[in-house]
C-alpha atoms as a PDB file:
ATOM      1  CA  GLN A   1      -1.741  25.576 -43.717  1.00  0.00           C
ATOM      2  CA  VAL A   2       0.819  22.819 -41.680  1.00  0.00           C
ATOM      3  CA  GLN A   3       4.068  24.097 -42.393  1.00  0.00           C
ATOM      4  CA  PHE A   4       7.346  23.978 -39.553  1.00  0.00           C
ATOM      5  CA  VAL A   5      10.785  26.048 -40.383  1.00  0.00           C
ATOM      6  CA  GLU A   6      13.120  24.607 -38.784  1.00  0.00           C
ATOM      7  CA  SER A   7      16.753  27.025 -37.447  1.00  0.00           C
ATOM      8  CA  GLY A   8      20.316  26.097 -35.337  1.00  0.00           C
ATOM      9  CA  GLY A   9      21.937  24.746 -37.386  1.00  0.00           C
ATOM     10  CA  GLY A  10      26.088  25.954 -38.614  1.00  0.00           C
ATOM     11  CA  LEU A  11      29.439  24.569 -38.903  1.00  0.00           C
ATOM     12  CA  VAL A  12      30.890  22.533 -35.579  1.00  0.00           C
ATOM     13  CA  GLN A  13      33.774  20.580 -34.144  1.00  0.00           C
ATOM     14  CA  PRO A  14      33.658  17.478 -33.546  1.00  0.00           C
ATOM     15  CA  GLY A  15      32.911  16.693 -29.575  1.00  0.00           C
ATOM     16  CA  GLY A  16      30.239  20.354 -29.550  1.00  0.00           C
ATOM     17  CA  SER A  17      27.551  21.122 -29.516  1.00  0.00           C
ATOM     18  CA  LEU A  18      24.643  22.661 -30.997  1.00  0.00           C
ATOM     19  CA  ARG A  19      20.438  23.081 -30.077  1.00  0.00           C
ATOM     20  CA  LEU A  20      18.174  22.858 -32.851  1.00  0.00           C
ATOM     21  CA  SER A  21      14.959  24.257 -32.981  1.00  0.00           C
ATOM     22  CA  CYS A  22      11.169  23.864 -35.095  1.00  0.00           C
ATOM     23  CA  ALA A  23       8.271  26.672 -35.200  1.00  0.00           C
ATOM     24  CA  ALA A  24       5.200  24.183 -36.186  1.00  0.00           C
ATOM     25  CA  SER A  25       2.191  25.933 -37.397  1.00  0.00           C
ATOM     26  CA  GLY A  26      -1.409  25.501 -39.282  1.00  0.00           C
ATOM     27  CA  PHE A  27      -2.274  22.639 -36.667  1.00  0.00           C
ATOM     28  CA  ILE A  28      -3.352  21.308 -32.875  1.00  0.00           C
ATOM     29  CA  PHE A  29       0.953  21.389 -32.182  1.00  0.00           C
ATOM     30  CA  GLY A  30       0.477  20.381 -28.552  1.00  0.00           C
ATOM     31  CA  VAL A  31      -1.273  16.712 -29.110  1.00  0.00           C
ATOM     32  CA  ARG A  32       0.331  15.251 -32.106  1.00  0.00           C
ATOM     33  CA  ALA A  33       3.955  13.290 -31.450  1.00  0.00           C
ATOM     34  CA  MET A  34       6.873  15.576 -33.685  1.00  0.00           C
ATOM     35  CA  SER A  35       9.591  14.071 -34.902  1.00  0.00           C
ATOM     36  CA  TRP A  36      13.229  15.126 -35.902  1.00  0.00           C
ATOM     37  CA  TYR A  37      14.599  13.769 -39.727  1.00  0.00           C
ATOM     38  CA  ARG A  38      18.058  14.100 -40.895  1.00  0.00           C
ATOM     39  CA  GLN A  39      19.380  13.637 -44.988  1.00  0.00           C
ATOM     40  CA  ALA A  40      23.732  13.074 -44.889  1.00  0.00           C
ATOM     41  CA  PRO A  41      24.779  14.298 -49.139  1.00  0.00           C
ATOM     42  CA  GLY A  42      23.963  10.831 -50.899  1.00  0.00           C
ATOM     43  CA  ALA A  43      21.324   9.071 -48.470  1.00  0.00           C
ATOM     44  CA  GLU A  44      18.496   8.182 -47.340  1.00  0.00           C
ATOM     45  CA  ARG A  45      16.507  10.561 -44.679  1.00  0.00           C
ATOM     46  CA  GLU A  46      16.995   8.618 -41.757  1.00  0.00           C
ATOM     47  CA  PHE A  47      14.659   9.271 -38.511  1.00  0.00           C
ATOM     48  CA  VAL A  48      16.506  11.151 -35.385  1.00  0.00           C
ATOM     49  CA  ALA A  49      13.473  10.898 -32.772  1.00  0.00           C
ATOM     50  CA  ARG A  50      10.155  11.944 -31.422  1.00  0.00           C
ATOM     51  CA  ILE A  51       8.536  12.872 -28.800  1.00  0.00           C
ATOM     52  CA  ASP A  52       5.233  13.015 -27.555  1.00  0.00           C
ATOM     53  CA  GLY A  53       2.463  15.624 -27.200  1.00  0.00           C
ATOM     54  CA  THR A  54       2.873  15.927 -23.726  1.00  0.00           C
ATOM     55  CA  GLY A  55       6.456  15.685 -23.961  1.00  0.00           C
ATOM     56  CA  ARG A  56       6.851  12.509 -21.545  1.00  0.00           C
ATOM     57  CA  ARG A  57       7.762  10.232 -23.761  1.00  0.00           C
ATOM     58  CA  LYS A  58      10.686  10.643 -26.101  1.00  0.00           C
ATOM     59  CA  ASP A  59      12.218   7.923 -28.621  1.00  0.00           C
ATOM     60  CA  TYR A  60      15.670   8.181 -30.232  1.00  0.00           C
ATOM     61  CA  ALA A  61      17.508   6.228 -33.713  1.00  0.00           C
ATOM     62  CA  ASP A  62      20.352   4.323 -31.630  1.00  0.00           C
ATOM     63  CA  SER A  63      23.073   5.952 -33.546  1.00  0.00           C
ATOM     64  CA  VAL A  64      22.308   9.613 -31.606  1.00  0.00           C
ATOM     65  CA  LYS A  65      20.806   7.758 -28.311  1.00  0.00           C
ATOM     66  CA  GLY A  66      22.819   9.901 -24.922  1.00  0.00           C
ATOM     67  CA  ARG A  67      24.104  12.308 -27.269  1.00  0.00           C
ATOM     68  CA  PHE A  68      20.067  13.740 -28.490  1.00  0.00           C
ATOM     69  CA  THR A  69      17.548  15.120 -26.304  1.00  0.00           C
ATOM     70  CA  ILE A  70      14.805  16.248 -28.225  1.00  0.00           C
ATOM     71  CA  SER A  71      12.101  18.366 -25.856  1.00  0.00           C
ATOM     72  CA  ARG A  72       9.153  20.533 -26.823  1.00  0.00           C
ATOM     73  CA  ASP A  73       7.592  23.920 -25.385  1.00  0.00           C
ATOM     74  CA  ASN A  74       3.552  23.563 -26.214  1.00  0.00           C
ATOM     75  CA  ASN A  75       3.087  27.685 -25.923  1.00  0.00           C
ATOM     76  CA  LYS A  76       5.189  28.392 -28.607  1.00  0.00           C
ATOM     77  CA  LYS A  77       4.134  24.913 -31.500  1.00  0.00           C
ATOM     78  CA  MET A  78       7.742  24.690 -31.065  1.00  0.00           C
ATOM     79  CA  ILE A  79      10.864  21.555 -30.265  1.00  0.00           C
ATOM     80  CA  PHE A  80      13.783  21.826 -30.126  1.00  0.00           C
ATOM     81  CA  LEU A  81      16.458  19.014 -30.662  1.00  0.00           C
ATOM     82  CA  GLN A  82      20.555  19.770 -28.166  1.00  0.00           C
ATOM     83  CA  MET A  83      22.885  17.976 -30.010  1.00  0.00           C
ATOM     84  CA  ASN A  84      25.969  16.883 -27.148  1.00  0.00           C
ATOM     85  CA  ASN A  85      29.524  14.943 -28.438  1.00  0.00           C
ATOM     86  CA  LEU A  86      28.851  15.616 -32.345  1.00  0.00           C
ATOM     87  CA  LYS A  87      30.608  13.814 -34.964  1.00  0.00           C
ATOM     88  CA  PRO A  88      31.515  13.936 -38.333  1.00  0.00           C
ATOM     89  CA  GLU A  89      28.617  11.048 -39.136  1.00  0.00           C
ATOM     90  CA  ASP A  90      25.958  13.661 -37.798  1.00  0.00           C
ATOM     91  CA  THR A  91      26.567  15.367 -41.350  1.00  0.00           C
ATOM     92  CA  ALA A  92      22.606  16.140 -42.376  1.00  0.00           C
ATOM     93  CA  VAL A  93      20.244  18.557 -43.117  1.00  0.00           C
ATOM     94  CA  TYR A  94      18.293  18.048 -40.346  1.00  0.00           C
ATOM     95  CA  TYR A  95      13.998  18.072 -40.614  1.00  0.00           C
ATOM     96  CA  CYS A  96      11.476  18.603 -38.276  1.00  0.00           C
ATOM     97  CA  LYS A  97       8.159  16.871 -38.787  1.00  0.00           C
ATOM     98  CA  CYS A  98       4.734  15.580 -37.649  1.00  0.00           C
ATOM     99  CA  ASN A  99       4.028  12.104 -39.273  1.00  0.00           C
ATOM    100  CA  GLU A 100       0.073  12.433 -39.474  1.00  0.00           C
ATOM    101  CA  TYR A 101       0.824  15.930 -42.052  1.00  0.00           C
ATOM    102  CA  THR A 102       3.074  15.485 -45.550  1.00  0.00           C
ATOM    103  CA  ALA A 103       4.592  18.455 -44.786  1.00  0.00           C
ATOM    104  CA  TRP A 104       7.949  19.529 -44.637  1.00  0.00           C
ATOM    105  CA  GLY A 105      10.251  22.759 -43.595  1.00  0.00           C
ATOM    106  CA  GLN A 106      13.712  23.642 -45.654  1.00  0.00           C
ATOM    107  CA  GLY A 107      15.462  21.313 -43.453  1.00  0.00           C
ATOM    108  CA  THR A 108      18.497  22.989 -40.910  1.00  0.00           C
ATOM    109  CA  GLN A 109      22.677  22.506 -42.170  1.00  0.00           C
ATOM    110  CA  VAL A 110      24.357  20.526 -40.227  1.00  0.00           C
ATOM    111  CA  THR A 111      27.953  20.419 -40.556  1.00  0.00           C
ATOM    112  CA  VAL A 112      30.347  18.389 -38.034  1.00  0.00           C
ATOM    113  CA  ASP A 113      33.794  19.171 -39.388  1.00  0.00           C
ATOM    114  CA  SER A 114      37.175  20.155 -38.030  1.00  0.00           C
END
């Protein structure tokens, strides 16, 4: 059974940082690309970042480029999202996903507010 468990969210002031983690299970992790998505209140879920199976290729939404960094640890079957210089518009529930599967995790809430 494919599962994703996100953690690391919280309340942070503008300009602050958070590091999100995602633990994956139920599939062969090391060969598959993984992505982060987010969904703000009243908005559609949107793409944030993607990393290929090797960790060498990374892609980002324009809105987070230069502030967020995606990474992975294939031994631990985890991906991470380092978020720096957070802005109020980054407030959302963050999800990790492998697009080859339909499963979603429960997400982790990030709130950026002074």
